[in-house]
Amino acid sequence: MDSQIQTLLERLFQGLEKDHRRVLEIAADWAIDSHEGQLRASGDPYLHHVLAVAEILNELKLDYETIAAAMLHDVVEDTDVTLEQVKEEFGPVIARLVDGVTRMERIGEFQEKTHAGSREHVQAESLRKLLLAMAEDVRVVLIKLADRLHNMRTLQYLDPERQRRIAQETRDIYAPLANRLGIWQVKWELEDLSLRYLEPEAFQQIARQLAETRSERERYIHKVIEILGAELKMAGIQAIA
């Protein structure tokens, strides 16, 4: 096991009761064995992804069952491990979380089939409601959001067409879901990452503006105020800056 993975695991185990730590240790062993030899588009071991998802949830202060399910969230979908095996080893709660995430994965092609305009908006809203309704436990949605967030953080390794499709789906479905659940830091990052791929010029412009010094921003604001003030005065409107 490389030092990066060991360090990450120690962070995930930190502060846990003995019994809960043992559950995570077993889940980590399962993830390591099940995903052995699997690589992501970046060339990184697939294990890095599932542990990164677990870390996102750990930062959100989720319980050990959610962290364990995050480590196992792709074993049923992508390996020979069965849901029954997960249930036998980890119990019904963690198995139910893993199964919930697996079922959510299977409707992920929805966005590809939508049409432009208002119909797309209506269908996106319908899918958000469906995702919430089908998750008997809201922790399923949280795992899926963490999974999508890490995928968005590593989206640069995919081809441009897939980048745009996934970014659109993220902006239409997952960022609003995070907003609905009140997970603001996830919502903002999903929106920012989506903008990077859907509107790269706007994203770069915003990034440049944010990189400007405070004095440069203040000069720009004062200039805008002067222009607006002049226009309002010409229109006979009194304005106070």
Protein backbone atom coordinates (compact mmCIF):
# COMPACT_ATOMS: atom_id res chain seq x y z
CA MET A 1 0.00 0.00 0.00
CA ASP A 2 1.49 3.35 -1.01
CA SER A 3 2.04 6.10 1.54
CA GLN A 4 -0.65 8.37 0.03
CA ILE A 5 -3.35 5.75 0.56
CA GLN A 6 -2.08 4.91 4.03
CA THR A 7 -2.19 8.59 5.04
CA LEU A 8 -5.73 8.96 3.68
CA LEU A 9 -6.92 5.87 5.51
CA GLU A 10 -5.47 7.10 8.79
CA ARG A 11 -7.44 10.34 8.37
CA LEU A 12 -10.62 8.35 7.78
CA PHE A 13 -9.98 6.17 10.84
CA GLN A 14 -9.08 9.03 13.15
CA GLY A 15 -11.24 9.45 16.23
CA LEU A 16 -13.46 6.43 15.56
CA GLU A 17 -14.61 3.94 18.15
CA LYS A 18 -12.78 0.63 17.94
CA ASP A 19 -15.71 -1.27 16.43
CA HIS A 20 -16.40 1.44 13.84
CA ARG A 21 -12.74 1.65 12.87
CA ARG A 22 -12.71 -2.10 12.33
CA VAL A 23 -15.65 -1.82 9.92
CA LEU A 24 -13.77 0.80 7.88
CA GLU A 25 -10.59 -1.26 7.90
CA ILE A 26 -12.48 -4.23 6.46
CA ALA A 27 -14.22 -1.99 3.90
CA ALA A 28 -10.85 -0.58 2.86
CA ASP A 29 -9.45 -4.10 2.44
CA TRP A 30 -12.44 -5.03 0.28
CA ALA A 31 -11.99 -1.93 -1.86
CA ILE A 32 -8.26 -2.59 -2.25
CA ASP A 33 -8.81 -6.22 -3.29
CA SER A 34 -11.89 -5.62 -5.46
CA HIS A 35 -10.46 -2.73 -7.47
CA GLU A 36 -6.95 -4.15 -7.84
CA GLY A 37 -5.64 -3.52 -11.33
CA GLN A 38 -8.45 -1.10 -12.25
CA LEU A 39 -7.32 2.30 -13.49
CA ARG A 40 -9.14 5.56 -14.08
CA ALA A 41 -8.79 7.69 -17.22
CA SER A 42 -6.10 9.65 -15.38
CA GLY A 43 -4.02 6.50 -14.99
CA ASP A 44 -4.50 6.53 -11.21
CA PRO A 45 -5.64 3.36 -9.44
CA TYR A 46 -9.43 3.25 -9.12
CA LEU A 47 -8.93 2.87 -5.39
CA HIS A 48 -7.90 6.53 -5.24
CA HIS A 49 -11.37 7.51 -6.41
CA VAL A 50 -13.37 5.55 -3.83
CA LEU A 51 -11.12 6.76 -1.02
CA ALA A 52 -11.41 10.34 -2.26
CA VAL A 53 -15.21 10.00 -2.16
CA ALA A 54 -14.95 8.66 1.38
CA GLU A 55 -12.74 11.60 2.35
CA ILE A 56 -15.24 14.15 0.98
CA LEU A 57 -17.95 12.57 3.14
CA ASN A 58 -15.61 12.44 6.12
CA GLU A 59 -15.01 16.19 5.73
CA LEU A 60 -18.80 16.62 5.83
CA LYS A 61 -18.78 14.76 9.18
CA LEU A 62 -20.82 11.79 7.99
CA ASP A 63 -21.03 8.61 10.10
CA TYR A 64 -18.88 5.51 9.71
CA GLU A 65 -21.62 3.59 7.84
CA THR A 66 -21.68 6.24 5.12
CA ILE A 67 -17.88 6.25 4.90
CA ALA A 68 -17.83 2.45 4.61
CA ALA A 69 -20.52 2.52 1.91
CA ALA A 70 -18.51 5.14 0.04
CA MET A 71 -15.49 2.84 0.01
CA LEU A 72 -17.71 0.08 -1.36
CA HIS A 73 -19.97 2.14 -3.59
CA ASP A 74 -18.64 0.71 -6.87
CA VAL A 75 -17.82 -2.87 -5.90
CA VAL A 76 -21.21 -4.29 -6.90
CA GLU A 77 -21.35 -2.27 -10.13
CA ASP A 78 -17.76 -2.73 -11.28
CA THR A 79 -16.42 -5.96 -9.73
CA ASP A 80 -17.46 -9.55 -9.04
CA VAL A 81 -18.64 -8.72 -5.52
CA THR A 82 -22.38 -9.26 -4.99
CA LEU A 83 -24.75 -7.23 -2.87
CA GLU A 84 -25.47 -10.33 -0.81
CA GLN A 85 -21.78 -10.64 0.04
CA VAL A 86 -21.73 -7.00 1.14
CA LYS A 87 -24.79 -7.63 3.31
CA GLU A 88 -23.27 -10.73 4.91
CA GLU A 89 -20.04 -8.92 5.79
CA PHE A 90 -21.25 -5.42 6.66
CA GLY A 91 -24.91 -5.81 7.55
CA PRO A 92 -28.16 -4.55 6.01
CA VAL A 93 -27.62 -0.81 6.53
CA ILE A 94 -24.34 -0.50 4.63
CA ALA A 95 -25.59 -2.95 1.98
CA ARG A 96 -28.72 -0.80 1.50
CA LEU A 97 -26.58 2.30 1.03
CA VAL A 98 -24.37 0.55 -1.54
CA ASP A 99 -27.43 -0.77 -3.38
CA GLY A 100 -28.99 2.70 -3.41
CA VAL A 101 -25.91 4.24 -5.01
CA THR A 102 -25.77 1.40 -7.56
CA ARG A 103 -29.40 2.00 -8.56
CA MET A 104 -28.77 5.73 -8.90
CA GLU A 105 -25.90 4.98 -11.25
CA ARG A 106 -28.23 3.13 -13.58
CA ILE A 107 -30.33 6.17 -14.35
CA GLY A 108 -27.30 8.40 -15.00
CA GLU A 109 -27.88 8.29 -18.76
CA PHE A 110 -31.00 10.41 -18.37
CA GLN A 111 -29.40 13.71 -19.35
CA GLU A 112 -28.18 12.32 -22.68
CA LYS A 113 -31.79 11.68 -23.73
CA THR A 114 -33.29 15.04 -22.86
CA HIS A 115 -34.19 17.69 -25.39
CA ALA A 116 -33.38 21.36 -25.46
CA GLY A 117 -35.53 24.13 -24.03
CA SER A 118 -38.20 24.01 -21.37
CA ARG A 119 -38.72 20.25 -21.75
CA GLU A 120 -35.13 19.67 -20.61
CA HIS A 121 -35.73 21.85 -17.55
CA VAL A 122 -38.90 19.96 -16.65
CA GLN A 123 -37.24 16.57 -17.08
CA ALA A 124 -34.21 17.65 -15.03
CA GLU A 125 -36.51 18.68 -12.20
CA SER A 126 -38.34 15.36 -12.49
CA LEU A 127 -35.08 13.46 -12.21
CA ARG A 128 -34.01 15.45 -9.14
CA LYS A 129 -37.31 14.48 -7.50
CA LEU A 130 -36.85 10.87 -8.60
CA LEU A 131 -33.37 10.68 -7.14
CA LEU A 132 -34.59 11.99 -3.80
CA ALA A 133 -37.66 9.73 -3.82
CA MET A 134 -35.79 6.56 -4.68
CA ALA A 135 -33.25 7.08 -1.93
CA GLU A 136 -34.80 5.56 1.17
CA ASP A 137 -31.85 6.98 3.08
CA VAL A 138 -30.64 10.51 2.26
CA ARG A 139 -27.09 9.27 2.80
CA VAL A 140 -27.37 7.53 -0.58
CA VAL A 141 -27.74 10.93 -2.23
CA LEU A 142 -24.82 12.30 -0.23
CA ILE A 143 -22.57 9.47 -1.41
CA LYS A 144 -23.66 10.10 -5.00
CA LEU A 145 -22.94 13.82 -4.65
CA ALA A 146 -19.47 13.10 -3.27
CA ASP A 147 -18.88 10.64 -6.11
CA ARG A 148 -19.91 13.25 -8.68
CA LEU A 149 -17.79 15.93 -7.01
CA HIS A 150 -14.62 13.86 -7.26
CA ASN A 151 -15.46 12.91 -10.85
CA MET A 152 -15.80 16.61 -11.67
CA ARG A 153 -12.48 17.36 -9.99
CA THR A 154 -10.81 14.89 -12.36
CA LEU A 155 -12.89 15.61 -15.48
CA GLN A 156 -9.90 16.96 -17.42
CA TYR A 157 -8.83 13.42 -18.28
CA LEU A 158 -11.93 12.72 -20.40
CA ASP A 159 -12.58 13.74 -24.00
CA PRO A 160 -14.31 17.10 -24.60
CA GLU A 161 -17.69 15.61 -25.53
CA ARG A 162 -17.92 13.59 -22.31
CA GLN A 163 -16.68 16.58 -20.32
CA ARG A 164 -19.54 18.72 -21.61
CA ARG A 165 -22.16 16.01 -21.13
CA ILE A 166 -21.13 15.28 -17.55
CA ALA A 167 -20.76 18.97 -16.72
CA GLN A 168 -24.25 19.69 -18.09
CA GLU A 169 -25.74 16.84 -16.08
CA THR A 170 -23.92 18.10 -13.00
CA ARG A 171 -25.23 21.64 -13.40
CA ASP A 172 -28.78 20.50 -14.17
CA ILE A 173 -29.13 17.68 -11.65
CA TYR A 174 -26.47 17.41 -8.98
CA ALA A 175 -25.70 21.03 -8.06
CA PRO A 176 -29.44 21.72 -7.49
CA LEU A 177 -29.64 18.53 -5.41
CA ALA A 178 -26.79 19.73 -3.21
CA ASN A 179 -28.54 23.08 -2.92
CA ARG A 180 -31.80 21.41 -1.92
CA LEU A 181 -29.99 19.47 0.79
CA GLY A 182 -28.21 22.59 2.04
CA ILE A 183 -24.68 21.36 1.29
CA TRP A 184 -23.45 24.74 0.08
CA GLN A 185 -19.75 23.98 -0.31
CA VAL A 186 -20.55 21.02 -2.58
CA LYS A 187 -23.12 23.04 -4.56
CA TRP A 188 -20.68 25.90 -5.19
CA GLU A 189 -17.84 23.64 -6.26
CA LEU A 190 -20.07 21.61 -8.59
CA GLU A 191 -21.31 24.82 -10.21
CA ASP A 192 -17.79 26.23 -10.57
CA LEU A 193 -16.45 23.02 -12.11
CA SER A 194 -19.44 22.78 -14.47
CA LEU A 195 -18.87 26.34 -15.66
CA ARG A 196 -15.24 25.53 -16.45
CA TYR A 197 -16.31 22.99 -19.09
CA LEU A 198 -19.61 24.44 -20.31
CA GLU A 199 -18.52 28.08 -20.60
CA PRO A 200 -14.71 28.08 -20.54
CA GLU A 201 -14.35 31.70 -21.71
CA ALA A 202 -16.67 32.99 -19.00
CA PHE A 203 -14.90 30.81 -16.44
CA GLN A 204 -11.49 32.17 -17.43
CA GLN A 205 -12.78 35.74 -17.36
CA ILE A 206 -14.15 35.27 -13.85
CA ALA A 207 -10.92 33.60 -12.75
CA ARG A 208 -8.89 36.53 -14.08
CA GLN A 209 -11.14 39.02 -12.35
CA LEU A 210 -10.85 37.18 -9.06
CA ALA A 211 -7.08 37.14 -9.46
CA GLU A 212 -6.93 40.91 -9.80
CA THR A 213 -5.77 42.93 -6.83
CA ARG A 214 -8.30 44.60 -4.56
CA SER A 215 -7.32 48.06 -5.75
CA GLU A 216 -7.90 47.06 -9.39
CA ARG A 217 -11.35 45.71 -8.53
CA GLU A 218 -12.18 48.86 -6.59
CA ARG A 219 -11.13 51.08 -9.53
CA TYR A 220 -13.36 49.00 -11.80
CA ILE A 221 -16.31 49.32 -9.41
CA HIS A 222 -15.86 53.10 -9.12
CA LYS A 223 -15.76 53.38 -12.90
CA VAL A 224 -19.01 51.42 -13.20
CA ILE A 225 -20.61 53.62 -10.53
CA GLU A 226 -19.60 56.74 -12.45
CA ILE A 227 -21.06 55.40 -15.69
CA LEU A 228 -24.30 54.32 -14.04
CA GLY A 229 -24.56 57.63 -12.20
CA ALA A 230 -24.18 59.59 -15.43
CA GLU A 231 -26.76 57.46 -17.21
CA LEU A 232 -29.23 57.76 -14.34
CA LYS A 233 -28.72 61.53 -14.21
CA MET A 234 -29.45 61.80 -17.93
CA ALA A 235 -32.65 59.85 -17.29
CA GLY A 236 -33.64 62.26 -14.53
CA ILE A 237 -33.12 59.75 -11.74
CA GLN A 238 -31.43 60.78 -8.52
CA ALA A 239 -29.05 58.08 -7.28
CA ILE A 240 -26.80 57.91 -4.23
CA ALA A 241 -23.67 55.78 -4.47
